[in-house]
Amino acid sequence: MRVALFTKNNTKEHQAGREALIAALQQRHIEVVEPWNPSIGIDMMISIGGDGTLLSAVHQIGDCGIPVVGINFGHLGFLTTAGRDDIDKLADCLRDGRYSIEPRTMLEVQVHVGGECRQLSALNEVYLHRCDDAPLLHTQVEVDDDKVATYAGDGLIVATPTGSTAYSLSCGGPILAPGSGCLVLTPIAAHTLTQRPVIVSDNVRLRLRDEEPGIRFTLGVDSYVCVLDGTSVVEVCKAPYSIQLVRIEHQNFFSAIRDKLMWGM
């Protein structure tokens, strides 16, 4: 097996964990490729950090189809499968093939600004949020050219099943299981209490824009953030590829919910 490592932090703790991981992998005859680029064939990418680091690793991998496994050196670590004290256990599982792979939906995002189109991708979510000095957004949502609603509030989130346990959940959105074939539209601080989260098929194309051309708002696509105005249009659909998320031993999406959200207590 050949693996590459990905980390964003250079703290002593992260460096010590990285060195311990390399030693554990090499002891089990797992080759560590450093540095890595997409032209180098590997079997797996190991992310060292929290969920944010794993998201960055996913965007580094892109559509290469390389499975990614995360070691949590952050806080919640919902997407990661091992903690900082589980390095030897992770190395054993990789050597022995004691892991499973969960395909996760990716989003393809087209941002139309003037006559230009910017292409982005997201594993967690796409969101529109009003700037601090801006009034309420009035986000118009179309699904396959059918108008759904105009959401008045601080903004709107389009979340995948993976992202349903992140920003969307904190705004009152439902949890979607991987493989459910759904996306969720979750309003942020909706001005009207009757505007609730809506679940749609992930086979649709969404079109988002604000009804006020002069307004400014923030667009977030995972960790990418930019400021747009009301003349911009954001189109979202399921990407033609998925991300392969690794879980070791008997872990899965529901065990992560029990452990991280403390549903087992």
Protein backbone atom coordinates (compact mmCIF):
# COMPACT_ATOMS: atom_id res chain seq x y z
CA MET A 1 0.00 0.00 0.00
CA ARG A 2 1.15 3.52 -0.82
CA VAL A 3 -0.26 6.51 1.07
CA ALA A 4 0.28 10.25 1.13
CA LEU A 5 -0.13 12.58 4.12
CA PHE A 6 -1.94 15.91 4.20
CA THR A 7 -1.81 18.50 6.97
CA LYS A 8 -2.31 22.26 7.19
CA ASN A 9 -0.94 22.93 10.67
CA ASN A 10 2.70 23.07 11.69
CA THR A 11 2.27 22.97 15.47
CA LYS A 12 4.57 20.78 17.55
CA GLU A 13 1.61 18.50 18.30
CA HIS A 14 0.79 18.03 14.60
CA GLN A 15 4.43 17.46 13.69
CA ALA A 16 4.84 14.89 16.47
CA GLY A 17 1.69 13.10 15.32
CA ARG A 18 2.86 13.15 11.72
CA GLU A 19 6.24 11.64 12.64
CA ALA A 20 4.58 8.99 14.80
CA LEU A 21 2.22 8.12 11.95
CA ILE A 22 5.04 7.80 9.43
CA ALA A 23 6.95 5.50 11.79
CA ALA A 24 3.86 3.36 12.45
CA LEU A 25 3.10 3.02 8.73
CA GLN A 26 6.65 2.17 7.75
CA GLN A 27 6.87 -0.45 10.50
CA ARG A 28 3.93 -2.16 8.79
CA HIS A 29 5.55 -1.90 5.34
CA ILE A 30 3.16 0.81 4.15
CA GLU A 31 4.96 3.20 1.82
CA VAL A 32 4.62 6.92 2.57
CA VAL A 33 4.90 9.19 -0.49
CA GLU A 34 6.21 12.70 0.19
CA PRO A 35 5.72 15.10 -1.42
CA TRP A 36 2.61 14.07 -3.35
CA ASN A 37 0.97 15.39 -6.51
CA PRO A 38 -1.89 13.95 -8.60
CA SER A 39 0.53 12.38 -11.08
CA ILE A 40 1.81 10.00 -8.36
CA GLY A 41 -0.28 6.87 -7.85
CA ILE A 42 -1.32 6.23 -4.25
CA ASP A 43 -3.92 4.02 -2.58
CA MET A 44 -5.04 6.48 0.09
CA MET A 45 -4.65 10.02 1.43
CA ILE A 46 -4.35 10.44 5.21
CA SER A 47 -5.49 13.79 6.61
CA ILE A 48 -3.88 14.91 9.89
CA GLY A 49 -6.03 17.55 11.60
CA GLY A 50 -9.71 18.25 12.05
CA ASP A 51 -12.67 18.33 9.69
CA GLY A 52 -11.38 21.50 8.05
CA THR A 53 -8.10 19.80 7.18
CA LEU A 54 -9.95 16.81 5.75
CA LEU A 55 -12.07 19.15 3.61
CA SER A 56 -8.87 20.69 2.24
CA ALA A 57 -7.50 17.21 1.51
CA VAL A 58 -10.69 16.38 -0.38
CA HIS A 59 -10.26 19.45 -2.59
CA GLN A 60 -6.61 18.50 -3.13
CA ILE A 61 -7.71 15.06 -4.35
CA GLY A 62 -10.52 16.38 -6.55
CA ASP A 63 -11.92 13.77 -8.92
CA CYS A 64 -8.92 11.40 -8.65
CA GLY A 65 -11.04 8.82 -6.80
CA ILE A 66 -8.43 8.39 -4.05
CA PRO A 67 -9.94 7.36 -0.67
CA VAL A 68 -9.24 9.78 2.19
CA VAL A 69 -8.98 8.89 5.89
CA GLY A 70 -8.76 11.42 8.71
CA ILE A 71 -6.92 11.47 12.05
CA ASN A 72 -8.51 14.03 14.35
CA PHE A 73 -6.21 16.62 15.90
CA GLY A 74 -9.01 19.18 16.02
CA HIS A 75 -12.21 19.44 18.06
CA LEU A 76 -15.33 17.60 16.86
CA GLY A 77 -13.73 15.60 14.06
CA PHE A 78 -17.02 14.30 12.65
CA LEU A 79 -15.49 13.28 9.32
CA THR A 80 -12.37 11.73 10.80
CA THR A 81 -12.17 8.08 11.83
CA ALA A 82 -9.31 8.00 14.33
CA GLY A 83 -8.07 10.15 17.22
CA ARG A 84 -4.56 11.26 18.04
CA ASP A 85 -4.18 8.21 20.32
CA ASP A 86 -5.27 5.77 17.60
CA ILE A 87 -2.27 5.99 15.26
CA ASP A 88 -1.16 2.37 15.76
CA LYS A 89 -4.74 1.13 15.46
CA LEU A 90 -5.19 3.03 12.19
CA ALA A 91 -1.94 1.64 10.77
CA ASP A 92 -2.99 -1.90 11.73
CA CYS A 93 -6.41 -1.47 10.09
CA LEU A 94 -4.90 -0.14 6.87
CA ARG A 95 -2.37 -2.98 6.72
CA ASP A 96 -4.99 -5.65 7.40
CA GLY A 97 -7.72 -4.16 5.22
CA ARG A 98 -10.03 -3.65 8.20
CA TYR A 99 -11.80 -0.59 6.88
CA SER A 100 -14.81 0.37 4.79
CA ILE A 101 -15.37 3.14 2.27
CA GLU A 102 -18.38 5.48 2.27
CA PRO A 103 -19.02 7.29 -1.04
CA ARG A 104 -19.93 10.92 -0.33
CA THR A 105 -21.80 13.25 -2.68
CA MET A 106 -19.89 16.22 -4.08
CA LEU A 107 -21.50 19.38 -5.43
CA GLU A 108 -20.57 21.17 -8.61
CA VAL A 109 -21.02 24.93 -8.33
CA GLN A 110 -21.14 27.49 -11.13
CA VAL A 111 -20.91 31.15 -10.11
CA HIS A 112 -22.04 33.52 -12.87
CA VAL A 113 -20.64 37.03 -12.38
CA GLY A 114 -21.18 39.36 -15.29
CA GLY A 115 -20.23 37.42 -18.39
CA GLU A 116 -17.83 35.11 -16.52
CA CYS A 117 -18.44 31.69 -14.96
CA ARG A 118 -16.39 30.40 -12.03
CA GLN A 119 -16.33 26.62 -11.37
CA LEU A 120 -16.13 25.38 -7.77
CA SER A 121 -16.88 22.16 -5.84
CA ALA A 122 -18.13 21.37 -2.36
CA LEU A 123 -18.32 18.35 -0.08
CA ASN A 124 -20.22 20.02 2.77
CA GLU A 125 -22.30 22.96 1.62
CA VAL A 126 -22.87 26.04 -0.45
CA TYR A 127 -24.27 29.04 1.41
CA LEU A 128 -25.33 32.62 0.78
CA HIS A 129 -25.13 34.99 3.76
CA ARG A 130 -25.78 38.69 3.99
CA CYS A 131 -22.79 40.95 4.61
CA ASP A 132 -22.65 42.65 8.00
CA ASP A 133 -23.71 46.01 6.59
CA ALA A 134 -26.43 44.58 4.32
CA PRO A 135 -30.16 44.19 4.99
CA LEU A 136 -31.99 40.86 4.76
CA LEU A 137 -31.32 38.71 1.75
CA HIS A 138 -34.26 37.68 -0.40
CA THR A 139 -32.82 34.53 -1.98
CA GLN A 140 -34.80 33.23 -4.93
CA VAL A 141 -34.53 29.46 -5.32
CA GLU A 142 -35.37 27.51 -8.47
CA VAL A 143 -35.30 23.73 -8.80
CA ASP A 144 -35.02 22.61 -12.42
CA ASP A 145 -36.46 25.99 -13.51
CA ASP A 146 -39.41 25.71 -11.11
CA LYS A 147 -39.50 28.44 -8.49
CA VAL A 148 -39.54 27.06 -4.94
CA ALA A 149 -39.60 30.19 -2.80
CA THR A 150 -37.94 33.46 -1.95
CA TYR A 151 -36.19 33.02 1.38
CA ALA A 152 -36.05 36.23 3.41
CA GLY A 153 -33.45 36.13 6.16
CA ASP A 154 -29.73 36.13 6.80
CA GLY A 155 -29.16 33.60 4.03
CA LEU A 156 -29.58 30.06 2.78
CA ILE A 157 -27.57 26.83 2.92
CA VAL A 158 -27.54 24.02 0.35
CA ALA A 159 -26.07 21.03 2.17
CA THR A 160 -25.11 17.51 1.12
CA PRO A 161 -25.66 14.58 3.49
CA THR A 162 -22.05 15.11 4.63
CA GLY A 163 -22.71 18.81 5.26
CA SER A 164 -26.06 18.14 6.95
CA THR A 165 -24.19 17.62 10.24
CA ALA A 166 -22.27 20.91 9.90
CA TYR A 167 -23.54 24.47 9.32
CA SER A 168 -26.99 23.28 8.24
CA LEU A 169 -27.51 21.34 11.49
CA SER A 170 -26.64 24.41 13.56
CA CYS A 171 -29.38 26.30 11.69
CA GLY A 172 -32.02 23.68 12.42
CA GLY A 173 -31.63 21.49 9.35
CA PRO A 174 -32.20 17.71 9.41
CA ILE A 175 -29.47 15.07 9.36
CA LEU A 176 -29.25 13.22 6.04
CA ALA A 177 -27.64 9.79 5.86
CA PRO A 178 -24.99 9.20 3.18
CA GLY A 179 -26.49 7.54 0.14
CA SER A 180 -29.92 9.06 0.76
CA GLY A 181 -29.77 10.81 -2.62
CA CYS A 182 -30.88 14.13 -1.13
CA LEU A 183 -29.84 17.71 -0.57
CA VAL A 184 -31.30 20.02 2.06
CA LEU A 185 -32.12 23.72 1.69
CA THR A 186 -31.82 25.31 5.12
CA PRO A 187 -32.70 28.98 5.72
CA ILE A 188 -30.43 30.99 8.02
CA ALA A 189 -32.43 33.05 10.54
CA ALA A 190 -35.52 33.09 8.33
CA HIS A 191 -37.66 36.25 8.67
CA THR A 192 -40.82 34.14 8.30
CA LEU A 193 -41.28 31.21 10.68
CA THR A 194 -43.18 29.21 8.06
CA GLN A 195 -40.07 28.95 5.87
CA ARG A 196 -38.56 25.66 6.95
CA PRO A 197 -35.79 23.39 5.59
CA VAL A 198 -36.71 21.58 2.37
CA ILE A 199 -35.24 18.26 1.20
CA VAL A 200 -34.84 17.77 -2.54
CA SER A 201 -33.37 15.09 -4.78
CA ASP A 202 -29.67 15.44 -5.50
CA ASN A 203 -30.43 14.92 -9.21
CA VAL A 204 -31.87 18.42 -9.59
CA ARG A 205 -30.16 21.65 -10.62
CA LEU A 206 -30.59 24.53 -8.19
CA ARG A 207 -30.43 28.18 -9.19
CA LEU A 208 -29.91 30.79 -6.47
CA ARG A 209 -29.94 34.58 -6.74
CA ASP A 210 -31.04 37.58 -4.72
CA GLU A 211 -33.99 39.61 -5.94
CA GLU A 212 -32.19 42.90 -5.15
CA PRO A 213 -29.48 43.62 -7.79
CA GLY A 214 -27.71 46.18 -5.60
CA ILE A 215 -27.26 44.01 -2.51
CA ARG A 216 -23.93 42.45 -1.47
CA PHE A 217 -23.68 39.00 0.08
CA THR A 218 -21.11 36.37 0.97
CA LEU A 219 -20.91 33.10 -0.94
CA GLY A 220 -19.33 30.16 0.88
CA VAL A 221 -18.38 26.94 -0.91
CA ASP A 222 -16.87 24.75 1.81
CA SER A 223 -13.87 26.80 2.97
CA TYR A 224 -13.87 29.10 -0.10
CA VAL A 225 -15.50 32.49 0.56
CA CYS A 226 -16.09 35.49 -1.71
CA VAL A 227 -18.38 38.52 -1.89
CA LEU A 228 -20.95 38.85 -4.70
CA ASP A 229 -23.74 41.24 -5.57
CA GLY A 230 -27.37 40.68 -6.48
CA THR A 231 -26.64 40.44 -10.20
CA SER A 232 -24.73 37.19 -9.62
CA VAL A 233 -26.30 33.77 -10.11
CA VAL A 234 -25.20 30.57 -8.35
CA GLU A 235 -26.08 27.20 -9.86
CA VAL A 236 -25.62 23.98 -7.88
CA CYS A 237 -25.89 20.34 -8.93
CA LYS A 238 -24.42 16.98 -8.00
CA ALA A 239 -20.89 16.49 -9.29
CA PRO A 240 -20.20 13.54 -11.62
CA TYR A 241 -17.83 12.01 -9.04
CA SER A 242 -17.97 11.22 -5.33
CA ILE A 243 -15.44 11.33 -2.50
CA GLN A 244 -14.42 8.02 -0.92
CA LEU A 245 -14.36 8.50 2.87
CA VAL A 246 -12.63 5.76 4.88
CA ARG A 247 -13.96 4.35 8.16
CA ILE A 248 -11.86 1.84 10.09
CA GLU A 249 -13.16 -1.42 11.57
CA HIS A 250 -16.84 -1.24 12.51
CA GLN A 251 -17.25 2.52 12.31
CA ASN A 252 -19.88 4.09 10.06
CA PHE A 253 -22.01 7.21 9.76
CA PHE A 254 -24.34 6.25 12.60
CA SER A 255 -21.54 5.30 14.98
CA ALA A 256 -20.03 8.73 14.28
CA ILE A 257 -23.36 10.37 15.16
CA ARG A 258 -23.57 8.41 18.42
CA ASP A 259 -20.00 9.25 19.39
CA LYS A 260 -19.68 12.84 18.18
CA LEU A 261 -23.22 14.07 18.90
CA MET A 262 -23.44 11.98 22.08
CA TRP A 263 -26.62 10.18 21.04
CA GLY A 264 -25.41 7.11 22.92
CA MET A 265 -25.54 8.88 26.27
